[in-house]
């Protein structure tokens, strides 16, 4: 099963997915969802979870550095 972007009834993209796309982490988010859906156990998906976490952390640090300029 492939996880696909969520589109609201009014055609607007999901806000969380928009933020993840902006951060560059959307595909990693999909990998986590796919793994959990396939294995039915998030503990078996720690590689994907950690990759996603690292991506979000890098984005947050980038945004903080940008604000401090």
PDB file of N, CA and C in Angstrom:
ATOM      1  N   UNK A   1       0.838  -1.184   0.000  1.00  0.00           N
ATOM      2  CA  UNK A   1       0.000   0.000   0.000  1.00  0.00           C
ATOM      3  C   UNK A   1       0.876   1.237   0.000  1.00  0.00           C
ATOM      4  N   UNK A   2       0.585   2.188  -0.820  1.00  0.00           N
ATOM      5  CA  UNK A   2       1.315   3.440  -0.879  1.00  0.00           C
ATOM      6  C   UNK A   2       0.497   4.528  -0.210  1.00  0.00           C
ATOM      7  N   UNK A   3       1.131   5.284   0.667  1.00  0.00           N
ATOM      8  CA  UNK A   3       0.459   6.380   1.344  1.00  0.00           C
ATOM      9  C   UNK A   3       0.421   7.557   0.386  1.00  0.00           C
ATOM     10  N   UNK A   4      -0.735   8.176   0.268  1.00  0.00           N
ATOM     11  CA  UNK A   4      -0.902   9.293  -0.655  1.00  0.00           C
ATOM     12  C   UNK A   4      -1.250  10.558   0.106  1.00  0.00           C
ATOM     13  N   UNK A   5      -0.932  11.721  -0.459  1.00  0.00           N
ATOM     14  CA  UNK A   5      -1.263  12.992   0.199  1.00  0.00           C
ATOM     15  C   UNK A   5      -2.762  13.099   0.456  1.00  0.00           C
ATOM     16  N   UNK A   6      -3.092  13.697   1.571  1.00  0.00           N
ATOM     17  CA  UNK A   6      -4.499  13.920   1.905  1.00  0.00           C
ATOM     18  C   UNK A   6      -4.962  15.240   1.326  1.00  0.00           C
ATOM     19  N   UNK A   7      -6.096  15.218   0.704  1.00  0.00           N
ATOM     20  CA  UNK A   7      -6.702  16.430   0.157  1.00  0.00           C
ATOM     21  C   UNK A   7      -8.052  16.596   0.844  1.00  0.00           C
ATOM     22  N   UNK A   8      -8.291  17.802   1.364  1.00  0.00           N
ATOM     23  CA  UNK A   8      -9.563  18.072   2.020  1.00  0.00           C
ATOM     24  C   UNK A   8     -10.682  18.106   0.990  1.00  0.00           C
ATOM     25  N   UNK A   9     -11.905  18.033   1.462  1.00  0.00           N
ATOM     26  CA  UNK A   9     -13.076  18.040   0.587  1.00  0.00           C
ATOM     27  C   UNK A   9     -13.130  19.296  -0.283  1.00  0.00           C
ATOM     28  N   UNK A  10     -12.628  20.407   0.247  1.00  0.00           N
ATOM     29  CA  UNK A  10     -12.644  21.651  -0.528  1.00  0.00           C
ATOM     30  C   UNK A  10     -11.456  21.753  -1.490  1.00  0.00           C
ATOM     31  N   UNK A  11     -10.670  20.684  -1.601  1.00  0.00           N
ATOM     32  CA  UNK A  11      -9.544  20.653  -2.530  1.00  0.00           C
ATOM     33  C   UNK A  11      -8.247  21.188  -1.952  1.00  0.00           C
ATOM     34  N   UNK A  12      -8.296  21.671  -0.713  1.00  0.00           N
ATOM     35  CA  UNK A  12      -7.121  22.239  -0.070  1.00  0.00           C
ATOM     36  C   UNK A  12      -6.244  21.130   0.513  1.00  0.00           C
ATOM     37  N   UNK A  13      -4.934  21.297   0.393  1.00  0.00           N
ATOM     38  CA  UNK A  13      -3.996  20.316   0.926  1.00  0.00           C
ATOM     39  C   UNK A  13      -3.998  20.348   2.456  1.00  0.00           C
ATOM     40  N   UNK A  14      -3.768  19.219   3.080  1.00  0.00           N
ATOM     41  CA  UNK A  14      -3.689  19.091   4.530  1.00  0.00           C
ATOM     42  C   UNK A  14      -2.585  20.000   5.069  1.00  0.00           C
ATOM     43  N   UNK A  15      -2.860  20.740   6.141  1.00  0.00           N
ATOM     44  CA  UNK A  15      -1.888  21.709   6.687  1.00  0.00           C
ATOM     45  C   UNK A  15      -0.623  21.038   7.200  1.00  0.00           C
ATOM     46  N   UNK A  16      -0.767  19.898   7.832  1.00  0.00           N
ATOM     47  CA  UNK A  16       0.405  19.192   8.354  1.00  0.00           C
ATOM     48  C   UNK A  16       1.284  18.732   7.199  1.00  0.00           C
ATOM     49  N   UNK A  17       0.667  18.173   6.169  1.00  0.00           N
ATOM     50  CA  UNK A  17       1.452  17.726   5.020  1.00  0.00           C
ATOM     51  C   UNK A  17       2.110  18.907   4.303  1.00  0.00           C
ATOM     52  N   UNK A  18       1.440  20.052   4.272  1.00  0.00           N
ATOM     53  CA  UNK A  18       2.044  21.251   3.668  1.00  0.00           C
ATOM     54  C   UNK A  18       3.297  21.660   4.432  1.00  0.00           C
ATOM     55  N   UNK A  19       3.224  21.620   5.765  1.00  0.00           N
ATOM     56  CA  UNK A  19       4.362  21.983   6.591  1.00  0.00           C
ATOM     57  C   UNK A  19       5.507  20.986   6.399  1.00  0.00           C
ATOM     58  N   UNK A  20       5.167  19.705   6.345  1.00  0.00           N
ATOM     59  CA  UNK A  20       6.208  18.690   6.163  1.00  0.00           C
ATOM     60  C   UNK A  20       6.865  18.803   4.795  1.00  0.00           C
ATOM     61  N   UNK A  21       6.092  19.157   3.794  1.00  0.00           N
ATOM     62  CA  UNK A  21       6.646  19.360   2.453  1.00  0.00           C
ATOM     63  C   UNK A  21       7.611  20.541   2.466  1.00  0.00           C
ATOM     64  N   UNK A  22       7.215  21.634   3.115  1.00  0.00           N
ATOM     65  CA  UNK A  22       8.063  22.824   3.217  1.00  0.00           C
ATOM     66  C   UNK A  22       9.375  22.496   3.934  1.00  0.00           C
ATOM     67  N   UNK A  23       9.289  21.628   4.944  1.00  0.00           N
ATOM     68  CA  UNK A  23      10.476  21.241   5.704  1.00  0.00           C
ATOM     69  C   UNK A  23      11.354  20.256   4.940  1.00  0.00           C
ATOM     70  N   UNK A  24      10.804  19.652   3.884  1.00  0.00           N
ATOM     71  CA  UNK A  24      11.565  18.670   3.119  1.00  0.00           C
ATOM     72  C   UNK A  24      11.499  17.278   3.735  1.00  0.00           C
ATOM     73  N   UNK A  25      10.510  17.048   4.596  1.00  0.00           N
ATOM     74  CA  UNK A  25      10.424  15.788   5.338  1.00  0.00           C
ATOM     75  C   UNK A  25       9.200  14.961   4.979  1.00  0.00           C
ATOM     76  N   UNK A  26       8.434  15.363   3.979  1.00  0.00           N
ATOM     77  CA  UNK A  26       7.180  14.684   3.668  1.00  0.00           C
ATOM     78  C   UNK A  26       7.389  13.238   3.251  1.00  0.00           C
ATOM     79  N   UNK A  27       8.369  12.969   2.416  1.00  0.00           N
ATOM     80  CA  UNK A  27       8.600  11.590   1.970  1.00  0.00           C
ATOM     81  C   UNK A  27       9.005  10.688   3.135  1.00  0.00           C
ATOM     82  N   UNK A  28       9.776  11.234   4.072  1.00  0.00           N
ATOM     83  CA  UNK A  28      10.155  10.449   5.253  1.00  0.00           C
ATOM     84  C   UNK A  28       8.929  10.170   6.126  1.00  0.00           C
ATOM     85  N   UNK A  29       8.029  11.128   6.198  1.00  0.00           N
ATOM     86  CA  UNK A  29       6.761  10.944   6.918  1.00  0.00           C
ATOM     87  C   UNK A  29       5.961   9.801   6.286  1.00  0.00           C
ATOM     88  N   UNK A  30       5.909   9.797   4.972  1.00  0.00           N
ATOM     89  CA  UNK A  30       5.204   8.722   4.264  1.00  0.00           C
ATOM     90  C   UNK A  30       5.856   7.366   4.526  1.00  0.00           C
ATOM     91  N   UNK A  31       7.201   7.346   4.604  1.00  0.00           N
ATOM     92  CA  UNK A  31       7.897   6.082   4.883  1.00  0.00           C
ATOM     93  C   UNK A  31       7.544   5.552   6.262  1.00  0.00           C
ATOM     94  N   UNK A  32       7.427   6.447   7.244  1.00  0.00           N
ATOM     95  CA  UNK A  32       7.028   6.025   8.587  1.00  0.00           C
ATOM     96  C   UNK A  32       5.616   5.450   8.544  1.00  0.00           C
ATOM     97  N   UNK A  33       4.706   6.169   7.895  1.00  0.00           N
ATOM     98  CA  UNK A  33       3.326   5.693   7.792  1.00  0.00           C
ATOM     99  C   UNK A  33       3.254   4.342   7.090  1.00  0.00           C
ATOM    100  N   UNK A  34       3.995   4.214   6.018  1.00  0.00           N
ATOM    101  CA  UNK A  34       4.002   2.966   5.250  1.00  0.00           C
ATOM    102  C   UNK A  34       4.516   1.808   6.101  1.00  0.00           C
ATOM    103  N   UNK A  35       5.599   2.049   6.828  1.00  0.00           N
ATOM    104  CA  UNK A  35       6.175   1.009   7.676  1.00  0.00           C
ATOM    105  C   UNK A  35       5.189   0.588   8.756  1.00  0.00           C
ATOM    106  N   UNK A  36       4.592   1.558   9.421  1.00  0.00           N
ATOM    107  CA  UNK A  36       3.643   1.238  10.486  1.00  0.00           C
ATOM    108  C   UNK A  36       2.437   0.495   9.921  1.00  0.00           C
ATOM    109  N   UNK A  37       1.973   0.911   8.760  1.00  0.00           N
ATOM    110  CA  UNK A  37       0.839   0.238   8.131  1.00  0.00           C
ATOM    111  C   UNK A  37       1.190  -1.203   7.750  1.00  0.00           C
ATOM    112  N   UNK A  38       2.402  -1.410   7.292  1.00  0.00           N
ATOM    113  CA  UNK A  38       2.836  -2.738   6.860  1.00  0.00           C
ATOM    114  C   UNK A  38       3.103  -3.668   8.040  1.00  0.00           C
ATOM    115  N   UNK A  39       3.825  -3.165   9.036  1.00  0.00           N
ATOM    116  CA  UNK A  39       4.240  -4.020  10.153  1.00  0.00           C
ATOM    117  C   UNK A  39       3.233  -4.058  11.295  1.00  0.00           C
ATOM    118  N   UNK A  40       2.377  -3.029  11.369  1.00  0.00           N
ATOM    119  CA  UNK A  40       1.418  -2.884  12.479  1.00  0.00           C
ATOM    120  C   UNK A  40       2.120  -2.734  13.827  1.00  0.00           C
ATOM    121  N   UNK A  41       3.385  -2.279  13.793  1.00  0.00           N
ATOM    122  CA  UNK A  41       4.163  -2.128  15.022  1.00  0.00           C
ATOM    123  C   UNK A  41       5.197  -1.028  14.814  1.00  0.00           C
ATOM    124  N   UNK A  42       4.957   0.145  15.421  1.00  0.00           N
ATOM    125  CA  UNK A  42       5.858   1.281  15.219  1.00  0.00           C
ATOM    126  C   UNK A  42       7.271   0.982  15.706  1.00  0.00           C
ATOM    127  N   UNK A  43       7.397   0.046  16.640  1.00  0.00           N
ATOM    128  CA  UNK A  43       8.730  -0.284  17.165  1.00  0.00           C
ATOM    129  C   UNK A  43       9.622  -0.910  16.100  1.00  0.00           C
ATOM    130  N   UNK A  44       9.026  -1.534  15.110  1.00  0.00           N
ATOM    131  CA  UNK A  44       9.794  -2.134  14.016  1.00  0.00           C
ATOM    132  C   UNK A  44      10.204  -1.100  12.977  1.00  0.00           C
ATOM    133  N   UNK A  45       9.791   0.136  13.163  1.00  0.00           N
ATOM    134  CA  UNK A  45      10.030   1.198  12.180  1.00  0.00           C
ATOM    135  C   UNK A  45      10.996   2.253  12.703  1.00  0.00           C
ATOM    136  N   UNK A  46      11.827   1.895  13.659  1.00  0.00           N
ATOM    137  CA  UNK A  46      12.686   2.888  14.296  1.00  0.00           C
ATOM    138  C   UNK A  46      13.665   3.556  13.333  1.00  0.00           C
ATOM    139  N   UNK A  47      14.116   2.851  12.315  1.00  0.00           N
ATOM    140  CA  UNK A  47      14.996   3.479  11.321  1.00  0.00           C
ATOM    141  C   UNK A  47      14.284   4.615  10.615  1.00  0.00           C
ATOM    142  N   UNK A  48      13.075   4.365  10.149  1.00  0.00           N
ATOM    143  CA  UNK A  48      12.289   5.389   9.459  1.00  0.00           C
ATOM    144  C   UNK A  48      11.897   6.516  10.410  1.00  0.00           C
ATOM    145  N   UNK A  49      11.537   6.170  11.639  1.00  0.00           N
ATOM    146  CA  UNK A  49      11.162   7.177  12.634  1.00  0.00           C
ATOM    147  C   UNK A  49      12.356   8.086  12.933  1.00  0.00           C
ATOM    148  N   UNK A  50      13.529   7.508  13.111  1.00  0.00           N
ATOM    149  CA  UNK A  50      14.718   8.310  13.401  1.00  0.00           C
ATOM    150  C   UNK A  50      15.118   9.189  12.227  1.00  0.00           C
ATOM    151  N   UNK A  51      14.994   8.691  11.010  1.00  0.00           N
ATOM    152  CA  UNK A  51      15.286   9.504   9.825  1.00  0.00           C
ATOM    153  C   UNK A  51      14.347  10.704   9.762  1.00  0.00           C
ATOM    154  N   UNK A  52      13.066  10.468  10.041  1.00  0.00           N
ATOM    155  CA  UNK A  52      12.073  11.539  10.045  1.00  0.00           C
ATOM    156  C   UNK A  52      12.381  12.546  11.152  1.00  0.00           C
ATOM    157  N   UNK A  53      12.689  12.046  12.331  1.00  0.00           N
ATOM    158  CA  UNK A  53      13.030  12.914  13.458  1.00  0.00           C
ATOM    159  C   UNK A  53      14.247  13.783  13.139  1.00  0.00           C
ATOM    160  N   UNK A  54      15.273  13.194  12.536  1.00  0.00           N
ATOM    161  CA  UNK A  54      16.469  13.942  12.163  1.00  0.00           C
ATOM    162  C   UNK A  54      16.143  15.044  11.160  1.00  0.00           C
ATOM    163  N   UNK A  55      15.279  14.742  10.213  1.00  0.00           N
ATOM    164  CA  UNK A  55      14.885  15.728   9.213  1.00  0.00           C
ATOM    165  C   UNK A  55      14.178  16.916   9.872  1.00  0.00           C
ATOM    166  N   UNK A  56      13.239  16.628  10.765  1.00  0.00           N
ATOM    167  CA  UNK A  56      12.509  17.693  11.461  1.00  0.00           C
ATOM    168  C   UNK A  56      13.459  18.513  12.330  1.00  0.00           C
ATOM    169  N   UNK A  57      14.377  17.850  13.016  1.00  0.00           N
ATOM    170  CA  UNK A  57      15.344  18.550  13.868  1.00  0.00           C
ATOM    171  C   UNK A  57      16.220  19.484  13.048  1.00  0.00           C
ATOM    172  N   UNK A  58      16.694  19.021  11.895  1.00  0.00           N
ATOM    173  CA  UNK A  58      17.520  19.869  11.021  1.00  0.00           C
ATOM    174  C   UNK A  58      16.733  21.080  10.547  1.00  0.00           C
ATOM    175  N   UNK A  59      15.477  20.874  10.192  1.00  0.00           N
ATOM    176  CA  UNK A  59      14.642  21.982   9.734  1.00  0.00           C
ATOM    177  C   UNK A  59      14.431  23.000  10.861  1.00  0.00           C
ATOM    178  N   UNK A  60      14.159  22.524  12.072  1.00  0.00           N
ATOM    179  CA  UNK A  60      13.957  23.436  13.206  1.00  0.00           C
ATOM    180  C   UNK A  60      15.212  24.259  13.472  1.00  0.00           C
ATOM    181  N   UNK A  61      16.373  23.597  13.446  1.00  0.00           N
ATOM    182  CA  UNK A  61      17.630  24.312  13.669  1.00  0.00           C
ATOM    183  C   UNK A  61      17.866  25.366  12.592  1.00  0.00           C
ATOM    184  N   UNK A  62      17.537  25.017  11.359  1.00  0.00           N
ATOM    185  CA  UNK A  62      17.682  25.955  10.245  1.00  0.00           C
ATOM    186  C   UNK A  62      16.785  27.170  10.453  1.00  0.00           C
ATOM    187  N   UNK A  63      15.550  26.952  10.888  1.00  0.00           N
ATOM    188  CA  UNK A  63      14.605  28.044  11.106  1.00  0.00           C
ATOM    189  C   UNK A  63      15.035  28.921  12.279  1.00  0.00           C
ATOM    190  N   UNK A  64      15.553  28.303  13.349  1.00  0.00           N
ATOM    191  CA  UNK A  64      16.029  29.063  14.497  1.00  0.00           C
ATOM    192  C   UNK A  64      17.213  29.939  14.097  1.00  0.00           C
ATOM    193  N   UNK A  65      18.143  29.357  13.337  1.00  0.00           N
ATOM    194  CA  UNK A  65      19.309  30.128  12.878  1.00  0.00           C
ATOM    195  C   UNK A  65      18.873  31.289  11.994  1.00  0.00           C
ATOM    196  N   UNK A  66      17.894  31.063  11.168  1.00  0.00           N
ATOM    197  CA  UNK A  66      17.380  32.106  10.277  1.00  0.00           C
ATOM    198  C   UNK A  66      16.763  33.253  11.093  1.00  0.00           C
ATOM    199  N   UNK A  67      16.050  32.927  12.141  1.00  0.00           N
ATOM    200  CA  UNK A  67      15.411  33.938  12.993  1.00  0.00           C
ATOM    201  C   UNK A  67      16.424  34.743  13.804  1.00  0.00           C
ATOM    202  N   UNK A  68      17.566  34.143  14.114  1.00  0.00           N
ATOM    203  CA  UNK A  68      18.568  34.803  14.929  1.00  0.00           C
ATOM    204  C   UNK A  68      19.470  35.743  14.142  1.00  0.00           C
ATOM    205  N   UNK A  69      19.328  35.785  12.863  1.00  0.00           N
ATOM    206  CA  UNK A  69      20.172  36.677  12.046  1.00  0.00           C
ATOM    207  C   UNK A  69      19.790  38.103  12.209  1.00  0.00           C
TER     208      UNK A  69
END
